[in-house]
Amino acid sequence: MLLDAAAQERLPAAASAAQVKYLATNQAIQAVELALAAVGNSGLDRRNPLQRHYRDVLCARIHTPQDDVALGGIGRAAFGRAALGLG
């Protein structure tokens, strides 16, 4: 969906990049949290690589743009396009 929108230039590049970052980050966090839930407490042991993956994906939330800024920009782009009659 995002690739199609980008190919058709329906979103400004910044809004599109923010949307991709938001979706990828949150999907990665969900995936690792599901894996941790499946293996249980041992997934948090320092010898288990899963604990490192969990810390890594959580750090993605603090890299710019953070979720609140990304969602604000995506919303402004959507409302701006709607106001211009572009979709």
N, C-alpha and C. Protein backbone atom coordinates (compact mmCIF):
# COMPACT_ATOMS: atom_id res chain seq x y z
N MET A 1 0.82 -1.18 0.00
CA MET A 1 0.00 0.00 0.00
C MET A 1 0.87 1.26 0.00
N LEU A 2 1.87 1.29 0.87
CA LEU A 2 2.74 2.47 0.92
C LEU A 2 3.56 2.61 -0.34
N LEU A 3 4.04 1.48 -0.87
CA LEU A 3 4.83 1.55 -2.10
C LEU A 3 3.98 2.04 -3.26
N ASP A 4 2.73 1.59 -3.32
CA ASP A 4 1.82 2.06 -4.37
C ASP A 4 1.60 3.56 -4.27
N ALA A 5 1.36 4.04 -3.04
CA ALA A 5 1.14 5.47 -2.83
C ALA A 5 2.37 6.27 -3.21
N ALA A 6 3.54 5.78 -2.85
CA ALA A 6 4.77 6.48 -3.19
C ALA A 6 5.00 6.50 -4.70
N ALA A 7 4.71 5.38 -5.36
CA ALA A 7 4.89 5.30 -6.80
C ALA A 7 3.98 6.28 -7.53
N GLN A 8 2.80 6.50 -6.98
CA GLN A 8 1.85 7.42 -7.60
C GLN A 8 1.99 8.84 -7.05
N GLU A 9 2.99 9.04 -6.18
CA GLU A 9 3.27 10.34 -5.58
C GLU A 9 2.03 10.95 -4.94
N ARG A 10 1.31 10.14 -4.18
CA ARG A 10 0.10 10.62 -3.52
C ARG A 10 0.39 11.23 -2.16
N LEU A 11 1.56 11.01 -1.60
CA LEU A 11 1.93 11.58 -0.31
C LEU A 11 3.23 12.34 -0.46
N PRO A 12 3.37 13.45 0.26
CA PRO A 12 4.68 14.10 0.28
C PRO A 12 5.73 13.14 0.83
N ALA A 13 6.94 13.25 0.38
CA ALA A 13 8.00 12.31 0.77
C ALA A 13 8.18 12.23 2.28
N ALA A 14 8.12 13.37 2.97
CA ALA A 14 8.32 13.36 4.43
C ALA A 14 7.21 12.59 5.12
N ALA A 15 5.97 12.79 4.70
CA ALA A 15 4.85 12.07 5.32
C ALA A 15 4.96 10.59 5.02
N SER A 16 5.35 10.25 3.81
CA SER A 16 5.50 8.85 3.44
C SER A 16 6.61 8.17 4.25
N ALA A 17 7.74 8.84 4.38
CA ALA A 17 8.85 8.28 5.16
C ALA A 17 8.47 8.13 6.62
N ALA A 18 7.75 9.11 7.16
CA ALA A 18 7.31 9.02 8.56
C ALA A 18 6.34 7.87 8.75
N GLN A 19 5.47 7.67 7.77
CA GLN A 19 4.50 6.58 7.86
C GLN A 19 5.21 5.23 7.81
N VAL A 20 6.18 5.09 6.93
CA VAL A 20 6.94 3.85 6.84
C VAL A 20 7.69 3.59 8.15
N LYS A 21 8.33 4.61 8.70
CA LYS A 21 9.07 4.45 9.95
C LYS A 21 8.14 4.06 11.08
N TYR A 22 6.99 4.72 11.18
CA TYR A 22 6.02 4.42 12.22
C TYR A 22 5.54 2.97 12.11
N LEU A 23 5.12 2.57 10.92
CA LEU A 23 4.60 1.21 10.73
C LEU A 23 5.68 0.15 10.95
N ALA A 24 6.86 0.36 10.39
CA ALA A 24 7.93 -0.63 10.52
C ALA A 24 8.36 -0.79 11.97
N THR A 25 8.51 0.32 12.67
CA THR A 25 8.92 0.26 14.08
C THR A 25 7.91 -0.49 14.92
N ASN A 26 6.65 -0.12 14.77
CA ASN A 26 5.63 -0.74 15.61
C ASN A 26 5.38 -2.20 15.26
N GLN A 27 5.51 -2.56 13.99
CA GLN A 27 5.38 -3.96 13.60
C GLN A 27 6.56 -4.79 14.13
N ALA A 28 7.75 -4.22 14.09
CA ALA A 28 8.93 -4.93 14.62
C ALA A 28 8.79 -5.15 16.12
N ILE A 29 8.32 -4.14 16.84
CA ILE A 29 8.12 -4.29 18.28
C ILE A 29 7.10 -5.38 18.56
N GLN A 30 6.00 -5.38 17.82
CA GLN A 30 4.98 -6.42 18.02
C GLN A 30 5.54 -7.81 17.74
N ALA A 31 6.32 -7.94 16.69
CA ALA A 31 6.88 -9.25 16.34
C ALA A 31 7.79 -9.78 17.44
N VAL A 32 8.66 -8.92 17.96
CA VAL A 32 9.58 -9.37 19.01
C VAL A 32 8.82 -9.64 20.30
N GLU A 33 7.81 -8.83 20.61
CA GLU A 33 7.02 -9.09 21.81
C GLU A 33 6.27 -10.42 21.71
N LEU A 34 5.80 -10.77 20.52
CA LEU A 34 5.16 -12.08 20.33
C LEU A 34 6.15 -13.21 20.54
N ALA A 35 7.36 -13.03 20.03
CA ALA A 35 8.40 -14.05 20.23
C ALA A 35 8.74 -14.20 21.71
N LEU A 36 8.84 -13.08 22.41
CA LEU A 36 9.11 -13.13 23.85
C LEU A 36 7.98 -13.82 24.60
N ALA A 37 6.76 -13.54 24.22
CA ALA A 37 5.62 -14.19 24.87
C ALA A 37 5.65 -15.69 24.63
N ALA A 38 6.11 -16.09 23.45
CA ALA A 38 6.15 -17.51 23.12
C ALA A 38 7.22 -18.26 23.92
N VAL A 39 8.38 -17.64 24.13
CA VAL A 39 9.45 -18.34 24.84
C VAL A 39 9.42 -18.10 26.34
N GLY A 40 8.71 -17.07 26.77
CA GLY A 40 8.59 -16.83 28.20
C GLY A 40 9.78 -16.08 28.78
N ASN A 41 9.95 -16.22 30.07
CA ASN A 41 10.96 -15.46 30.82
C ASN A 41 12.38 -15.71 30.32
N SER A 42 12.65 -16.88 29.78
CA SER A 42 14.01 -17.16 29.31
C SER A 42 14.41 -16.26 28.14
N GLY A 43 13.43 -15.67 27.47
CA GLY A 43 13.72 -14.75 26.38
C GLY A 43 14.40 -13.48 26.85
N LEU A 44 14.32 -13.18 28.14
CA LEU A 44 14.95 -11.98 28.68
C LEU A 44 16.32 -12.24 29.29
N ASP A 45 16.75 -13.49 29.26
CA ASP A 45 18.08 -13.84 29.77
C ASP A 45 19.15 -13.21 28.90
N ARG A 46 20.22 -12.71 29.51
CA ARG A 46 21.28 -12.05 28.75
C ARG A 46 21.93 -12.96 27.71
N ARG A 47 21.88 -14.25 27.92
CA ARG A 47 22.48 -15.18 26.95
C ARG A 47 21.57 -15.44 25.75
N ASN A 48 20.33 -14.99 25.82
CA ASN A 48 19.38 -15.21 24.74
C ASN A 48 19.40 -14.00 23.80
N PRO A 49 19.68 -14.22 22.51
CA PRO A 49 19.73 -13.09 21.57
C PRO A 49 18.41 -12.33 21.47
N LEU A 50 17.33 -12.95 21.85
CA LEU A 50 16.03 -12.31 21.76
C LEU A 50 15.95 -11.05 22.64
N GLN A 51 16.61 -11.08 23.80
CA GLN A 51 16.57 -9.90 24.67
C GLN A 51 17.26 -8.72 24.00
N ARG A 52 18.30 -8.99 23.23
CA ARG A 52 18.99 -7.92 22.51
C ARG A 52 18.10 -7.36 21.39
N HIS A 53 17.42 -8.26 20.69
CA HIS A 53 16.50 -7.82 19.63
C HIS A 53 15.41 -6.93 20.22
N TYR A 54 14.92 -7.31 21.39
CA TYR A 54 13.88 -6.52 22.04
C TYR A 54 14.38 -5.12 22.37
N ARG A 55 15.55 -5.03 22.95
CA ARG A 55 16.11 -3.71 23.27
C ARG A 55 16.33 -2.89 22.00
N ASP A 56 16.80 -3.56 20.94
CA ASP A 56 17.06 -2.85 19.69
C ASP A 56 15.78 -2.26 19.09
N VAL A 57 14.71 -3.07 19.03
CA VAL A 57 13.48 -2.54 18.43
C VAL A 57 12.85 -1.46 19.30
N LEU A 58 13.00 -1.56 20.62
CA LEU A 58 12.46 -0.51 21.47
C LEU A 58 13.20 0.81 21.26
N CYS A 59 14.48 0.74 20.97
CA CYS A 59 15.26 1.95 20.70
C CYS A 59 14.80 2.66 19.43
N ALA A 60 14.22 1.93 18.51
CA ALA A 60 13.75 2.54 17.26
C ALA A 60 12.68 3.60 17.53
N ARG A 61 11.96 3.46 18.64
CA ARG A 61 10.92 4.45 18.97
C ARG A 61 11.49 5.82 19.27
N ILE A 62 12.73 5.89 19.74
CA ILE A 62 13.28 7.20 20.10
C ILE A 62 14.03 7.87 18.96
N HIS A 63 14.24 7.15 17.86
CA HIS A 63 14.87 7.76 16.69
C HIS A 63 13.84 8.62 15.97
N THR A 64 14.31 9.72 15.43
CA THR A 64 13.38 10.63 14.76
C THR A 64 12.87 10.04 13.46
N PRO A 65 11.66 10.33 13.10
CA PRO A 65 10.66 11.05 13.89
C PRO A 65 10.00 10.11 14.89
N GLN A 66 9.77 10.61 16.10
CA GLN A 66 9.05 9.82 17.10
C GLN A 66 7.59 9.71 16.65
N ASP A 67 6.88 8.75 17.25
CA ASP A 67 5.51 8.46 16.82
C ASP A 67 4.61 9.69 16.81
N ASP A 68 4.65 10.50 17.86
CA ASP A 68 3.74 11.64 17.92
C ASP A 68 4.01 12.64 16.80
N VAL A 69 5.27 12.87 16.50
CA VAL A 69 5.63 13.79 15.43
C VAL A 69 5.27 13.18 14.07
N ALA A 70 5.55 11.90 13.90
CA ALA A 70 5.24 11.23 12.64
C ALA A 70 3.74 11.25 12.37
N LEU A 71 2.95 10.89 13.36
CA LEU A 71 1.50 10.86 13.18
C LEU A 71 0.94 12.26 12.92
N GLY A 72 1.50 13.26 13.59
CA GLY A 72 1.07 14.64 13.33
C GLY A 72 1.34 15.06 11.90
N GLY A 73 2.52 14.74 11.40
CA GLY A 73 2.87 15.08 10.02
C GLY A 73 2.04 14.33 9.01
N ILE A 74 1.79 13.07 9.27
CA ILE A 74 0.95 12.26 8.38
C ILE A 74 -0.46 12.83 8.33
N GLY A 75 -0.98 13.19 9.50
CA GLY A 75 -2.33 13.76 9.55
C GLY A 75 -2.42 15.10 8.83
N ARG A 76 -1.42 15.97 9.05
CA ARG A 76 -1.42 17.26 8.36
C ARG A 76 -1.35 17.08 6.85
N ALA A 77 -0.54 16.13 6.39
CA ALA A 77 -0.43 15.88 4.95
C ALA A 77 -1.76 15.38 4.39
N ALA A 78 -2.42 14.49 5.13
CA ALA A 78 -3.70 13.96 4.67
C ALA A 78 -4.76 15.05 4.61
N PHE A 79 -4.84 15.87 5.67
CA PHE A 79 -5.83 16.95 5.67
C PHE A 79 -5.51 18.00 4.61
N GLY A 80 -4.24 18.28 4.42
CA GLY A 80 -3.85 19.24 3.39
C GLY A 80 -4.23 18.78 2.01
N ARG A 81 -4.00 17.51 1.73
CA ARG A 81 -4.36 16.97 0.42
C ARG A 81 -5.87 16.97 0.24
N ALA A 82 -6.60 16.64 1.30
CA ALA A 82 -8.07 16.63 1.22
C ALA A 82 -8.58 18.05 0.98
N ALA A 83 -7.99 19.04 1.66
CA ALA A 83 -8.42 20.42 1.49
C ALA A 83 -8.17 20.92 0.07
N LEU A 84 -7.15 20.37 -0.57
CA LEU A 84 -6.85 20.75 -1.95
C LEU A 84 -7.63 19.93 -2.96
N GLY A 85 -8.44 18.99 -2.47
CA GLY A 85 -9.21 18.13 -3.36
C GLY A 85 -8.38 17.07 -4.05
N LEU A 86 -7.26 16.71 -3.44
CA LEU A 86 -6.37 15.72 -4.06
C LEU A 86 -6.54 14.32 -3.50
N GLY A 87 -7.50 14.11 -2.66
CA GLY A 87 -7.74 12.76 -2.15
C GLY A 87 -7.77 12.62 -0.73
